[in-house]
């Protein structure tokens, strides 16, 4: 936590300033186009600069290699025989040869018509001394400009004595190629960037069109028309999966709305019956103020009041479970907890036999787990004939609670329906036996709240309800 607090100032510094944020495009389409155009512009700009640099280097190296090759040929010739005053022109390379005094000896024809200043004289050596002051060249020698030509110098000793061969190659072709390539890139890169921007704008628009249709449809859906669904494009991409997910969410919302309305209707019906009976009893007591009838009327009124109170408590518990409110949990030994809960049941119609294994520890809420056992045993007591059995066992990472009775049992087709709220299967499971159809629904919600399950499983006789809860410490074992 301290590290996160220390990193907060740095994160704030990385945020985009509000003024700059206002300058950025707001729509996804515009942002995608802006980002793609910026990336392509930077990539093409860098690639163009690299291309120009590589092209210039390659052309310059080619020109230099040509000058070196032509100078090498003259050097080989000068080493074998006397040089003629006029050298043949090869490959556009200008060549002139000077002796140790700096006096021209030979040159290519293209240099003879351009009398320019002589080139720098090479430094003196023991074999070749510095030329005397005032020595003038005997023939015209060119002066080359570095940005337009490249000069290669090679010394040689032959029949004519010590000579220096100068080979110059023009860089005008290099500059022309660079200018042509630069002009082509200056025209082509903006056109390509505009093309990328146009294509990105169109493609993102087509891709986001289903999203806008989904948004418009969801914006019109209210709590009264949850049956509506968003259109699913036939593209099979992320947008199609988004539409499928939205429709699945709407399905759950519609189902939750239907269950809520059905729950409210059932709760109103269940509450109306005891309230109507209680009102009738009170009206009878007022209409016939006979003290001999009051004990019976008060007993009936008290019974309906208790039933009404239990129903209200069940409804509040269901509302709390639906809201998933956090509750305090602790490490519980279900063996001791269930043994104490069963020992307190002294007024049961049928005695309960139990087999509780040791080591059944879970993380849970004491009150809710006790209520889970109570609801299952109450359901068994309501329909049992002569036997109610409770068994607690440890099976690997699970703690398994089984409650069995020898009553009419649960038909196979109704083993899931009995866990629906306000569900009564037949006359045997009637309101007169005290059930409102909430006990098993509450028990399943309690088991699910603790990460477990509750199901009605096959049995040879009667009903068999099995709850499975995760055992505490099973992950470490």
Protein backbone atom coordinates (compact mmCIF):
# COMPACT_ATOMS: atom_id res chain seq x y z
CA UNK A 1 0.00 0.00 0.00
CA UNK A 2 2.86 2.36 0.81
CA UNK A 3 4.42 1.67 -2.59
CA UNK A 4 1.16 2.54 -4.29
CA UNK A 5 0.96 5.81 -2.36
CA UNK A 6 4.54 6.69 -3.34
CA UNK A 7 3.79 5.98 -6.99
CA UNK A 8 0.74 8.27 -7.11
CA UNK A 9 2.67 11.54 -7.84
CA UNK A 10 4.52 9.86 -10.70
CA UNK A 11 1.25 8.57 -12.12
CA UNK A 12 -0.24 12.04 -11.92
CA UNK A 13 2.72 13.42 -13.85
CA UNK A 14 2.10 10.87 -16.61
CA UNK A 15 -1.49 11.97 -17.11
CA UNK A 16 -2.37 14.03 -20.17
CA UNK A 17 -2.79 17.72 -19.28
CA UNK A 18 -6.40 18.97 -19.54
CA UNK A 19 -5.58 21.49 -22.28
CA UNK A 20 -3.89 18.84 -24.40
CA UNK A 21 -6.70 16.39 -23.67
CA UNK A 22 -9.21 18.87 -25.07
CA UNK A 23 -7.23 19.05 -28.31
CA UNK A 24 -7.34 15.28 -28.84
CA UNK A 25 -10.22 13.78 -30.85
CA UNK A 26 -13.03 12.42 -28.70
CA UNK A 27 -14.64 9.73 -30.85
CA UNK A 28 -13.11 6.28 -31.18
CA UNK A 29 -13.21 6.62 -34.95
CA UNK A 30 -11.29 9.90 -34.91
CA UNK A 31 -8.77 8.63 -32.35
CA UNK A 32 -8.11 5.46 -34.35
CA UNK A 33 -7.65 7.49 -37.54
CA UNK A 34 -5.39 9.99 -35.78
CA UNK A 35 -3.28 7.23 -34.22
CA UNK A 36 -2.96 5.26 -37.47
CA UNK A 37 -2.07 8.40 -39.43
CA UNK A 38 0.51 9.48 -36.86
CA UNK A 39 2.13 6.04 -36.78
CA UNK A 40 2.23 5.77 -40.57
CA UNK A 41 3.61 9.31 -40.86
CA UNK A 42 6.40 8.61 -38.39
CA UNK A 43 7.17 5.24 -39.98
CA UNK A 44 7.23 6.58 -43.52
CA UNK A 45 9.21 9.66 -42.49
CA UNK A 46 11.85 7.57 -40.77
CA UNK A 47 11.91 5.06 -43.62
CA UNK A 48 12.26 7.83 -46.20
CA UNK A 49 15.16 9.42 -44.33
CA UNK A 50 16.84 6.03 -43.98
CA UNK A 51 16.23 5.26 -47.67
CA UNK A 52 17.76 8.57 -48.76
CA UNK A 53 20.76 8.01 -46.52
CA UNK A 54 21.31 4.46 -47.75
CA UNK A 55 20.84 5.48 -51.39
CA UNK A 56 23.31 8.37 -51.07
CA UNK A 57 25.86 6.14 -49.32
CA UNK A 58 25.54 3.40 -51.95
CA UNK A 59 25.83 5.82 -54.90
CA UNK A 60 28.76 7.59 -53.26
CA UNK A 61 30.50 4.27 -52.63
CA UNK A 62 29.88 3.23 -56.25
CA UNK A 63 31.36 6.48 -57.57
CA UNK A 64 34.35 6.17 -55.26
CA UNK A 65 34.91 2.55 -56.29
CA UNK A 66 34.81 3.62 -59.95
CA UNK A 67 37.41 6.35 -59.31
CA UNK A 68 39.62 3.90 -57.40
CA UNK A 69 39.36 1.39 -60.24
CA UNK A 70 40.28 3.93 -62.94
CA UNK A 71 43.12 5.36 -60.86
CA UNK A 72 44.40 1.83 -60.29
CA UNK A 73 44.53 1.21 -64.03
CA UNK A 74 46.62 4.38 -64.58
CA UNK A 75 48.90 3.41 -61.70
CA UNK A 76 49.47 -0.02 -63.24
CA UNK A 77 50.23 1.62 -66.60
CA UNK A 78 52.62 4.20 -65.09
CA UNK A 79 54.48 1.49 -63.23
CA UNK A 80 55.23 -0.38 -66.49
CA UNK A 81 55.86 2.30 -69.13
CA UNK A 82 55.96 6.02 -69.93
CA UNK A 83 52.56 7.78 -69.72
CA UNK A 84 51.18 9.62 -72.74
CA UNK A 85 50.27 13.27 -72.16
CA UNK A 86 46.63 12.57 -72.94
CA UNK A 87 44.97 9.69 -71.08
CA UNK A 88 41.86 7.93 -72.35
CA UNK A 89 38.59 8.80 -70.53
CA UNK A 90 37.00 5.78 -68.84
CA UNK A 91 33.58 5.67 -67.17
CA UNK A 92 33.28 9.43 -66.74
CA UNK A 93 36.25 9.57 -64.37
CA UNK A 94 38.64 12.49 -64.84
CA UNK A 95 42.32 11.62 -64.25
CA UNK A 96 45.46 13.79 -64.11
CA UNK A 97 49.01 12.85 -63.15
CA UNK A 98 51.65 15.15 -61.62
CA UNK A 99 55.30 14.52 -60.91
CA UNK A 100 57.18 15.04 -57.69
CA UNK A 101 57.44 18.80 -58.36
CA UNK A 102 53.72 19.14 -58.82
CA UNK A 103 53.97 19.56 -62.55
CA UNK A 104 51.26 17.93 -64.67
CA UNK A 105 52.42 14.97 -66.69
CA UNK A 106 49.20 13.61 -68.20
CA UNK A 107 45.44 14.23 -68.07
CA UNK A 108 42.19 13.09 -69.65
CA UNK A 109 40.83 15.20 -72.51
CA UNK A 110 37.95 16.66 -70.47
CA UNK A 111 40.41 18.52 -68.23
CA UNK A 112 42.59 20.16 -70.91
CA UNK A 113 40.01 22.83 -71.80
CA UNK A 114 39.58 24.06 -68.21
CA UNK A 115 42.67 25.88 -66.89
CA UNK A 116 42.12 26.05 -63.15
CA UNK A 117 44.26 26.25 -60.06
CA UNK A 118 46.59 23.33 -59.39
CA UNK A 119 45.76 20.75 -56.75
CA UNK A 120 47.60 20.63 -53.43
CA UNK A 121 51.18 19.38 -53.76
CA UNK A 122 51.89 16.23 -51.73
CA UNK A 123 54.28 16.63 -48.80
CA UNK A 124 57.98 16.18 -49.41
CA UNK A 125 59.71 12.87 -48.71
CA UNK A 126 63.32 11.74 -48.79
CA UNK A 127 62.80 10.11 -52.18
CA UNK A 128 60.78 13.04 -53.51
CA UNK A 129 61.75 16.56 -52.24
CA UNK A 130 59.47 19.62 -52.05
CA UNK A 131 59.25 21.46 -55.44
CA UNK A 132 61.05 24.75 -55.77
CA UNK A 133 59.22 28.02 -55.15
CA UNK A 134 57.67 29.62 -58.21
CA UNK A 135 57.27 26.36 -60.14
CA UNK A 136 54.32 26.62 -62.52
CA UNK A 137 52.35 23.77 -64.00
CA UNK A 138 53.12 22.94 -67.64
CA UNK A 139 49.45 22.06 -68.41
CA UNK A 140 46.03 22.91 -67.04
CA UNK A 141 44.99 21.15 -63.84
CA UNK A 142 41.38 21.14 -62.55
CA UNK A 143 40.22 22.18 -59.11
CA UNK A 144 37.49 19.88 -57.81
CA UNK A 145 34.75 20.91 -55.41
CA UNK A 146 34.13 18.43 -52.65
CA UNK A 147 30.34 18.60 -52.72
CA UNK A 148 30.24 17.87 -56.47
CA UNK A 149 33.12 15.41 -56.92
CA UNK A 150 35.22 12.86 -55.09
CA UNK A 151 39.05 12.80 -55.67
CA UNK A 152 41.22 9.70 -55.21
CA UNK A 153 45.02 10.09 -54.98
CA UNK A 154 47.52 7.26 -55.56
CA UNK A 155 51.36 7.55 -55.72
CA UNK A 156 53.38 5.40 -58.13
CA UNK A 157 57.04 5.06 -59.22
CA UNK A 158 57.76 3.99 -62.81
CA UNK A 159 59.80 4.85 -65.89
CA UNK A 160 58.73 8.51 -65.52
CA UNK A 161 59.92 8.61 -61.92
CA UNK A 162 57.77 9.42 -58.89
CA UNK A 163 54.21 10.35 -59.95
CA UNK A 164 50.95 11.10 -58.19
CA UNK A 165 47.74 9.99 -59.89
CA UNK A 166 44.57 11.97 -59.14
CA UNK A 167 41.20 10.47 -60.16
CA UNK A 168 38.02 12.56 -59.81
CA UNK A 169 34.49 11.28 -60.21
CA UNK A 170 31.55 13.65 -60.42
CA UNK A 171 28.83 13.47 -57.78
CA UNK A 172 26.26 15.18 -59.91
CA UNK A 173 24.58 11.84 -60.68
CA UNK A 174 24.51 11.08 -56.96
CA UNK A 175 22.95 14.45 -56.21
CA UNK A 176 20.47 14.05 -59.07
CA UNK A 177 19.42 10.60 -57.88
CA UNK A 178 19.03 11.92 -54.35
CA UNK A 179 16.98 14.89 -55.55
CA UNK A 180 14.75 12.69 -57.68
CA UNK A 181 14.20 10.18 -54.90
CA UNK A 182 13.56 12.97 -52.37
CA UNK A 183 11.02 14.61 -54.68
CA UNK A 184 9.24 11.29 -55.24
CA UNK A 185 9.11 10.63 -51.49
CA UNK A 186 7.96 14.20 -50.77
CA UNK A 187 5.03 13.64 -53.10
CA UNK A 188 4.35 9.95 -52.39
CA UNK A 189 4.53 9.97 -48.60
CA UNK A 190 1.76 12.60 -48.07
CA UNK A 191 -0.42 10.84 -50.63
CA UNK A 192 0.10 7.51 -48.86
CA UNK A 193 -0.60 9.09 -45.45
CA UNK A 194 -3.84 10.61 -46.75
CA UNK A 195 -4.79 7.24 -48.23
CA UNK A 196 -4.14 5.49 -44.90
CA UNK A 197 -6.19 8.13 -43.07
CA UNK A 198 -9.11 7.73 -45.50
CA UNK A 199 -9.03 3.93 -45.35
CA UNK A 200 -8.76 3.92 -41.54
CA UNK A 201 -11.64 6.38 -41.24
CA UNK A 202 -13.85 4.26 -43.48
CA UNK A 203 -12.90 0.90 -41.98
CA UNK A 204 -13.34 2.08 -38.37
CA UNK A 205 -16.66 3.62 -39.35
CA UNK A 206 -17.88 0.32 -40.78
CA UNK A 207 -16.54 -1.58 -37.75
CA UNK A 208 -18.18 0.78 -35.24
CA UNK A 209 -21.53 0.97 -37.01
CA UNK A 210 -22.84 -2.16 -35.20
CA UNK A 211 -21.60 -0.71 -31.91
CA UNK A 212 -23.68 2.41 -32.50
CA UNK A 213 -26.68 0.22 -33.31
CA UNK A 214 -26.15 -1.70 -30.06
CA UNK A 215 -25.81 1.55 -28.11
CA UNK A 216 -28.97 3.01 -29.61
CA UNK A 217 -30.98 -0.12 -28.85
CA UNK A 218 -29.71 -0.39 -25.27
CA UNK A 219 -30.48 3.30 -24.70
CA UNK A 220 -34.15 2.66 -25.56
CA UNK A 221 -34.56 -0.41 -23.33
CA UNK A 222 -36.27 0.31 -20.03
CA UNK A 223 -37.50 -1.82 -17.17
CA UNK A 224 -40.84 -2.30 -18.93
CA UNK A 225 -39.48 -3.75 -22.20
CA UNK A 226 -36.66 -6.03 -21.17
CA UNK A 227 -37.78 -8.44 -23.88
CA UNK A 228 -36.03 -6.33 -26.52
CA UNK A 229 -32.61 -7.45 -27.78
CA UNK A 230 -29.75 -5.75 -29.59
CA UNK A 231 -28.90 -6.72 -33.19
CA UNK A 232 -26.09 -9.25 -33.59
CA UNK A 233 -23.90 -8.64 -36.68
CA UNK A 234 -22.96 -11.66 -38.79
CA UNK A 235 -19.24 -10.91 -38.60
CA UNK A 236 -18.24 -13.29 -35.83
CA UNK A 237 -15.79 -10.73 -34.43
CA UNK A 238 -15.49 -8.95 -31.09
CA UNK A 239 -18.49 -6.71 -31.83
CA UNK A 240 -20.65 -9.77 -32.52
CA UNK A 241 -19.50 -11.33 -29.24
CA UNK A 242 -20.28 -8.05 -27.47
CA UNK A 243 -23.83 -8.12 -28.88
CA UNK A 244 -24.25 -11.75 -27.76
CA UNK A 245 -23.00 -10.84 -24.28
CA UNK A 246 -25.36 -7.86 -24.08
CA UNK A 247 -28.29 -10.06 -25.10
CA UNK A 248 -27.29 -12.65 -22.49
CA UNK A 249 -27.20 -9.88 -19.88
CA UNK A 250 -30.65 -8.72 -20.98
CA UNK A 251 -31.86 -12.32 -20.67
CA UNK A 252 -30.64 -12.44 -17.10
CA UNK A 253 -32.18 -9.06 -16.34
CA UNK A 254 -35.50 -10.14 -17.83
CA UNK A 255 -35.40 -13.39 -15.87
CA UNK A 256 -34.51 -11.51 -12.68
CA UNK A 257 -37.37 -9.09 -13.30
CA UNK A 258 -39.83 -11.94 -13.86
CA UNK A 259 -38.63 -13.74 -10.74
CA UNK A 260 -38.88 -10.54 -8.73
CA UNK A 261 -42.43 -9.86 -9.90
CA UNK A 262 -43.42 -13.47 -9.27
CA UNK A 263 -41.79 -13.33 -5.84
CA UNK A 264 -43.66 -10.16 -4.95
CA UNK A 265 -46.95 -11.66 -6.13
CA UNK A 266 -46.37 -14.89 -4.21
CA UNK A 267 -45.26 -13.03 -1.10
CA UNK A 268 -48.34 -10.80 -1.26
CA UNK A 269 -50.54 -13.86 -1.61
CA UNK A 270 -48.87 -15.65 1.30
CA UNK A 271 -49.09 -12.59 3.51
CA UNK A 272 -52.68 -11.89 2.59
CA UNK A 273 -53.97 -15.24 3.85
CA UNK A 274 -52.82 -15.02 7.50
CA UNK A 275 -53.68 -11.32 7.62
CA UNK A 276 -57.21 -12.05 6.36
CA UNK A 277 -57.64 -14.89 8.88
CA UNK A 278 -56.31 -12.71 11.71
CA UNK A 279 -58.65 -9.89 10.76
CA UNK A 280 -61.62 -12.29 10.66
CA UNK A 281 -60.79 -13.61 14.12
CA UNK A 282 -60.53 -10.10 15.54
CA UNK A 283 -63.81 -9.08 13.91
CA UNK A 284 -65.51 -12.16 15.38
CA UNK A 285 -64.11 -11.29 18.80
CA UNK A 286 -65.49 -7.77 18.51
CA UNK A 287 -68.86 -8.91 17.21
CA UNK A 288 -69.29 -11.56 19.92
CA UNK A 289 -67.72 -10.27 23.11
CA UNK A 290 -68.10 -13.65 24.85
CA UNK A 291 -65.26 -14.20 27.34
CA UNK A 292 -65.54 -17.96 26.88
CA UNK A 293 -64.59 -17.66 23.16
CA UNK A 294 -61.67 -15.33 23.71
CA UNK A 295 -59.04 -17.97 24.68
CA UNK A 296 -59.69 -19.96 21.50
CA UNK A 297 -59.76 -16.82 19.34
CA UNK A 298 -56.58 -15.49 20.92
CA UNK A 299 -54.82 -18.83 20.45
CA UNK A 300 -55.76 -18.89 16.76
CA UNK A 301 -54.77 -15.23 16.37
CA UNK A 302 -51.44 -15.92 18.07
CA UNK A 303 -50.82 -18.90 15.76
CA UNK A 304 -51.50 -16.78 12.67
CA UNK A 305 -49.34 -13.98 14.09
CA UNK A 306 -46.44 -16.39 14.61
CA UNK A 307 -46.91 -17.72 11.09
CA UNK A 308 -46.95 -14.16 9.77
CA UNK A 309 -43.82 -13.32 11.76
CA UNK A 310 -41.97 -16.40 10.44
CA UNK A 311 -42.97 -15.57 6.89
CA UNK A 312 -41.76 -11.98 7.26
CA UNK A 313 -38.45 -13.23 8.69
CA UNK A 314 -38.04 -15.64 5.77
CA UNK A 315 -38.73 -12.88 3.27
CA UNK A 316 -36.18 -10.59 4.92
CA UNK A 317 -33.59 -13.39 4.90
CA UNK A 318 -34.22 -14.05 1.20
CA UNK A 319 -33.86 -10.34 0.45
CA UNK A 320 -30.55 -10.29 2.30
CA UNK A 321 -29.30 -13.37 0.45
CA UNK A 322 -30.32 -11.89 -2.90
CA UNK A 323 -28.44 -8.68 -2.06
CA UNK A 324 -25.33 -10.76 -1.19
CA UNK A 325 -24.67 -8.67 1.90
CA UNK A 326 -21.38 -9.59 3.58
CA UNK A 327 -21.66 -11.52 6.85
CA UNK A 328 -19.11 -12.48 9.45
CA UNK A 329 -17.56 -15.91 8.97
CA UNK A 330 -15.47 -18.06 11.26
CA UNK A 331 -13.95 -21.50 11.42
CA UNK A 332 -16.76 -23.78 12.58
CA UNK A 333 -16.87 -27.42 13.65
CA UNK A 334 -20.12 -28.60 12.10
CA UNK A 335 -20.05 -31.75 14.22
CA UNK A 336 -20.43 -29.76 17.44
CA UNK A 337 -22.67 -27.11 15.87
CA UNK A 338 -25.18 -29.60 14.43
CA UNK A 339 -25.10 -31.77 17.54
CA UNK A 340 -26.11 -28.78 19.67
CA UNK A 341 -28.82 -27.75 17.18
CA UNK A 342 -30.32 -31.25 17.10
CA UNK A 343 -30.17 -31.59 20.88
CA UNK A 344 -32.27 -28.45 21.23
CA UNK A 345 -35.11 -29.96 19.15
CA UNK A 346 -37.10 -31.51 21.99
CA UNK A 347 -40.62 -30.98 20.63
CA UNK A 348 -40.23 -32.71 17.25
CA UNK A 349 -43.04 -34.93 16.05
CA UNK A 350 -40.56 -37.64 15.14
CA UNK A 351 -37.21 -38.11 16.93
CA UNK A 352 -34.16 -37.41 14.81
CA UNK A 353 -31.31 -39.91 14.59
CA UNK A 354 -27.91 -38.57 13.66
CA UNK A 355 -24.47 -39.79 12.57
CA UNK A 356 -22.00 -36.90 12.76
CA UNK A 357 -18.43 -37.55 11.66
CA UNK A 358 -15.51 -35.78 13.30
CA UNK A 359 -13.32 -33.20 11.55
CA UNK A 360 -16.11 -31.53 9.57
CA UNK A 361 -14.77 -27.97 9.68
CA UNK A 362 -15.92 -25.18 7.38
CA UNK A 363 -15.61 -21.41 7.12
CA UNK A 364 -19.06 -19.93 7.48
CA UNK A 365 -21.64 -18.08 9.46
CA UNK A 366 -22.87 -19.87 12.56
CA UNK A 367 -26.45 -18.61 12.34
CA UNK A 368 -26.87 -19.35 8.66
CA UNK A 369 -25.44 -22.86 8.83
CA UNK A 370 -27.68 -23.64 11.78
CA UNK A 371 -30.61 -22.33 9.75
CA UNK A 372 -29.57 -24.60 6.85
CA UNK A 373 -29.79 -27.69 9.06
CA UNK A 374 -33.02 -26.47 10.70
CA UNK A 375 -34.81 -25.94 7.38
CA UNK A 376 -33.80 -29.38 6.10
CA UNK A 377 -34.89 -31.12 9.32
CA UNK A 378 -38.15 -29.12 9.45
CA UNK A 379 -38.94 -30.19 5.89
CA UNK A 380 -38.24 -33.83 6.79
CA UNK A 381 -40.34 -33.58 9.98
CA UNK A 382 -43.24 -32.17 7.99
CA UNK A 383 -43.55 -35.14 5.64
CA UNK A 384 -41.87 -38.07 7.47
CA UNK A 385 -43.89 -41.04 8.65
CA UNK A 386 -41.69 -42.55 11.34
CA UNK A 387 -38.05 -41.79 10.61
CA UNK A 388 -35.79 -38.75 10.13
CA UNK A 389 -32.04 -39.27 9.74
CA UNK A 390 -29.21 -36.73 9.68
CA UNK A 391 -25.76 -37.78 8.51
CA UNK A 392 -22.63 -35.61 8.40
CA UNK A 393 -19.53 -36.94 6.64
CA UNK A 394 -16.20 -35.73 5.27
CA UNK A 395 -15.53 -36.69 1.66
CA UNK A 396 -12.20 -35.36 0.44
CA UNK A 397 -12.40 -31.57 0.11
CA UNK A 398 -16.14 -31.54 0.94
CA UNK A 399 -18.32 -31.78 4.02
CA UNK A 400 -21.53 -33.63 3.09
CA UNK A 401 -24.78 -33.22 5.04
CA UNK A 402 -27.63 -35.63 4.27
CA UNK A 403 -31.16 -35.42 5.67
CA UNK A 404 -33.45 -38.38 4.89
CA UNK A 405 -37.05 -39.20 5.76
CA UNK A 406 -39.53 -41.99 5.00
CA UNK A 407 -42.32 -39.76 3.73
CA UNK A 408 -43.93 -39.61 0.27
CA UNK A 409 -40.65 -38.51 -1.28
CA UNK A 410 -40.05 -36.12 -4.18
CA UNK A 411 -40.87 -37.19 -7.76
CA UNK A 412 -37.91 -37.16 -10.11
CA UNK A 413 -39.42 -34.43 -12.28
CA UNK A 414 -39.88 -32.12 -9.27
CA UNK A 415 -36.43 -32.45 -7.67
CA UNK A 416 -35.42 -29.02 -8.93
CA UNK A 417 -38.81 -27.36 -8.63
CA UNK A 418 -38.97 -27.95 -4.87
CA UNK A 419 -36.19 -25.36 -4.48
CA UNK A 420 -38.22 -22.63 -6.14
CA UNK A 421 -39.78 -20.10 -3.84
CA UNK A 422 -43.41 -20.64 -2.69
CA UNK A 423 -43.47 -24.06 -4.36
CA UNK A 424 -45.79 -26.78 -2.99
CA UNK A 425 -45.96 -30.04 -4.92
CA UNK A 426 -49.27 -31.49 -3.75
CA UNK A 427 -51.82 -31.62 -0.97
CA UNK A 428 -49.35 -33.37 1.31
CA UNK A 429 -47.12 -30.31 1.06
CA UNK A 430 -49.91 -27.87 1.89
CA UNK A 431 -50.22 -24.68 3.82
CA UNK A 432 -52.02 -26.47 6.67
CA UNK A 433 -48.79 -28.33 7.50
CA UNK A 434 -47.15 -25.01 8.17
CA UNK A 435 -45.02 -24.64 5.06
CA UNK A 436 -44.92 -21.50 2.93
CA UNK A 437 -42.70 -23.04 0.27
CA UNK A 438 -39.62 -21.04 1.32
CA UNK A 439 -37.68 -23.47 3.50
CA UNK A 440 -35.82 -25.38 0.79
CA UNK A 441 -35.30 -22.23 -1.29
CA UNK A 442 -33.65 -20.54 1.70
CA UNK A 443 -31.58 -23.66 2.42
CA UNK A 444 -30.21 -23.76 -1.15
CA UNK A 445 -29.38 -20.04 -1.05
CA UNK A 446 -27.57 -20.54 2.27
CA UNK A 447 -25.55 -23.42 0.86
CA UNK A 448 -24.69 -21.40 -2.25
CA UNK A 449 -23.68 -18.42 -0.13
CA UNK A 450 -21.08 -20.67 1.54
CA UNK A 451 -19.77 -21.91 -1.82
CA UNK A 452 -21.69 -25.20 -1.65
CA UNK A 453 -24.66 -26.92 -3.24
CA UNK A 454 -27.96 -28.43 -2.17
CA UNK A 455 -29.86 -31.01 -4.23
CA UNK A 456 -32.61 -33.59 -3.92
CA UNK A 457 -31.04 -36.94 -4.79
CA UNK A 458 -32.62 -40.36 -5.44
CA UNK A 459 -33.60 -42.50 -2.44
CA UNK A 460 -35.23 -45.91 -2.03
CA UNK A 461 -37.92 -44.42 0.25
CA UNK A 462 -38.84 -40.90 1.17
CA UNK A 463 -36.82 -37.81 0.38
CA UNK A 464 -33.04 -37.43 0.45
CA UNK A 465 -31.60 -33.90 0.54
CA UNK A 466 -27.81 -33.57 0.26
CA UNK A 467 -25.82 -30.41 0.97
CA UNK A 468 -22.13 -30.24 0.06
CA UNK A 469 -19.90 -27.52 1.54
CA UNK A 470 -16.17 -26.88 0.95
CA UNK A 471 -14.09 -28.17 3.87
CA UNK A 472 -11.81 -25.64 5.57
CA UNK A 473 -8.13 -26.28 4.92
CA UNK A 474 -8.79 -28.69 2.04
CA UNK A 475 -6.65 -26.56 -0.33
CA UNK A 476 -3.61 -26.82 1.92
CA UNK A 477 -4.04 -30.57 2.29
